[in-house]
Each structure stands twice: as structure tokens, then as C-alpha cells.
C-alpha atoms as a PDB file:
ATOM      1  CA  MET A   1       5.455 -15.386 -16.248  1.00  0.00           C
ATOM      2  CA  TRP A   2       5.552 -13.583 -12.998  1.00  0.00           C
ATOM      3  CA  ARG A   3       9.027 -12.915 -11.646  1.00  0.00           C
ATOM      4  CA  HIS A   4       7.511 -12.680  -8.131  1.00  0.00           C
ATOM      5  CA  GLU A   5       4.251 -12.717  -6.167  1.00  0.00           C
ATOM      6  CA  PHE A   6       2.076  -9.613  -6.382  1.00  0.00           C
ATOM      7  CA  GLN A   7       2.038  -7.937  -2.973  1.00  0.00           C
ATOM      8  CA  PRO A   8      -0.921  -5.546  -2.778  1.00  0.00           C
ATOM      9  CA  GLY A   9       0.250  -4.070   0.652  1.00  0.00           C
ATOM     10  CA  ARG A  10       3.474  -2.969  -0.658  1.00  0.00           C
ATOM     11  CA  PHE A  11       1.763  -1.674  -3.879  1.00  0.00           C
ATOM     12  CA  ILE A  12      -0.642   0.554  -1.901  1.00  0.00           C
ATOM     13  CA  SER A  13       1.903   1.836   0.497  1.00  0.00           C
ATOM     14  CA  GLY A  14       4.148   2.847  -2.265  1.00  0.00           C
ATOM     15  CA  LEU A  15       1.217   4.749  -4.095  1.00  0.00           C
ATOM     16  CA  VAL A  16       0.188   6.411  -0.862  1.00  0.00           C
ATOM     17  CA  LEU A  17       3.856   7.418  -0.257  1.00  0.00           C
ATOM     18  CA  ILE A  18       4.428   8.665  -3.880  1.00  0.00           C
ATOM     19  CA  THR A  19       1.165  10.698  -3.510  1.00  0.00           C
ATOM     20  CA  ALA A  20       2.475  12.382  -0.304  1.00  0.00           C
ATOM     21  CA  GLY A  21       5.783  13.094  -1.955  1.00  0.00           C
ATOM     22  CA  VAL A  22       4.260  14.702  -5.028  1.00  0.00           C
ATOM     23  CA  LEU A  23       1.943  16.824  -2.671  1.00  0.00           C
ATOM     24  CA  TYR A  24       4.913  18.007  -0.647  1.00  0.00           C
ATOM     25  CA  ALA A  25       6.888  18.698  -3.835  1.00  0.00           C
ATOM     26  CA  GLY A  26       3.949  20.902  -5.168  1.00  0.00           C
ATOM     27  CA  ASP A  27       3.874  22.732  -1.910  1.00  0.00           C
ATOM     28  CA  ALA A  28       7.790  23.138  -2.148  1.00  0.00           C
ATOM     29  CA  THR A  29       7.667  24.676  -5.463  1.00  0.00           C
ATOM     30  CA  GLY A  30       4.838  26.921  -4.508  1.00  0.00           C
ATOM     31  CA  GLU A  31       2.351  25.402  -7.027  1.00  0.00           C
ATOM     32  CA  TRP A  32      -0.018  25.059  -4.164  1.00  0.00           C
ATOM     33  CA  HIS A  33      -0.565  25.098  -0.373  1.00  0.00           C
ATOM     34  CA  MET A  34      -0.804  21.923   1.326  1.00  0.00           C
ATOM     35  CA  PRO A  35      -1.318  21.996   5.238  1.00  0.00           C
ATOM     36  CA  TRP A  36       0.585  19.120   7.147  1.00  0.00           C
ATOM     37  CA  LEU A  37      -3.117  18.052   8.216  1.00  0.00           C
ATOM     38  CA  VAL A  38      -3.732  16.681   4.867  1.00  0.00           C
ATOM     39  CA  ALA A  39      -0.507  14.649   4.680  1.00  0.00           C
ATOM     40  CA  VAL A  40      -0.456  12.886   7.979  1.00  0.00           C
ATOM     41  CA  PRO A  41      -3.910  11.380   7.687  1.00  0.00           C
ATOM     42  CA  LEU A  42      -3.184  10.458   4.019  1.00  0.00           C
ATOM     43  CA  VAL A  43      -0.097   8.510   5.101  1.00  0.00           C
ATOM     44  CA  ILE A  44      -1.362   6.910   8.253  1.00  0.00           C
ATOM     45  CA  GLY A  45      -4.623   5.815   6.679  1.00  0.00           C
ATOM     46  CA  GLY A  46      -3.014   4.654   3.444  1.00  0.00           C
ATOM     47  CA  LEU A  47      -0.427   2.580   5.438  1.00  0.00           C
ATOM     48  CA  ALA A  48      -3.365   1.193   7.535  1.00  0.00           C
ATOM     49  CA  ILE A  49      -5.073   0.262   4.162  1.00  0.00           C
ATOM     50  CA  ALA A  50      -1.931  -1.185   3.143  1.00  0.00           C
ATOM     51  CA  ALA A  51      -1.691  -3.309   6.275  1.00  0.00           C
ATOM     52  CA  VAL A  52      -5.131  -4.719   5.966  1.00  0.00           C
ATOM     53  CA  ALA A  53      -4.609  -5.524   2.084  1.00  0.00           C
ATOM     54  CA  GLY A  54      -1.409  -7.297   2.912  1.00  0.00           C
ATOM     55  CA  LEU A  55      -2.871  -9.489   5.814  1.00  0.00           C
ATOM     56  CA  VAL A  56      -5.878 -10.280   3.491  1.00  0.00           C
ATOM     57  CA  ALA A  57      -3.343 -11.428   0.641  1.00  0.00           C
ATOM     58  CA  ARG A  58      -1.302 -13.540   3.174  1.00  0.00           C
ATOM     59  CA  THR A  59      -4.398 -15.154   4.556  1.00  0.00           C
ATOM     60  CA  VAL A  60      -5.568 -16.084   0.957  1.00  0.00           C
ATOM     61  CA  ARG A  61      -2.082 -17.387   0.101  1.00  0.00           C
ATOM     62  CA  SER A  62      -1.824 -19.493   3.103  1.00  0.00           C
ATOM     63  CA  GLY A  63      -5.457 -20.765   2.644  1.00  0.00           C
ATOM     64  CA  ARG A  64      -4.545 -21.623  -0.910  1.00  0.00           C
ATOM     65  CA  ARG A  65      -1.444 -23.646   0.200  1.00  0.00           C
ATOM     66  CA  ASP A  66      -3.186 -25.539   2.842  1.00  0.00           C
ATOM     67  CA  GLY A  67      -5.676 -26.659   0.090  1.00  0.00           C
ATOM     68  CA  ASP A  68      -3.115 -27.824  -2.015  1.00  0.00           C
ATOM     69  CA  ASP A  69      -1.450 -29.909   0.431  1.00  0.00           C
ATOM     70  CA  ALA A  70      -4.652 -31.707   1.223  1.00  0.00           C
ATOM     71  CA  VAL A  71      -5.205 -32.532  -2.494  1.00  0.00           C
ATOM     72  CA  GLY A  72      -1.711 -33.698  -3.317  1.00  0.00           C
END
């Protein structure tokens, strides 16, 4: 049984920020060079996608609740 609802917006934003952190860590250790122009669109685009996913999930959940009230 799930302990909480799955929240795709938070999941996506977490993945994006972890990816940005790993990229910066690799740049800081000298493993590779990552220009800041890569990280900024990654984070902004990822957060935008997470916002859309969160809004879609919220809409689906509220639609499901409205349908359950009409039946019961």
C-alpha cells in the first residue's frame, strides 16, 4: 500500500536538480567542463516540465474525486 500519493511534478523536479548537481560536481572535480549555458536551460526547462506534470496530475485527481462524489 502506498504511504502517500505519487507526485510526478516533485519527482521530475528532483531528477532535474540532481542531474544539474551531478553535472556541476563533475565540473568542479575537473572530470569535464560544463558551461553554465547548459545548466540554466536544463533547470528552467525541467522545472517547467515538472510544473506541467504537476498541474496535469492535479487536474486528473480532482476530476476523479468529482466523479466519485457523483456516484456515491
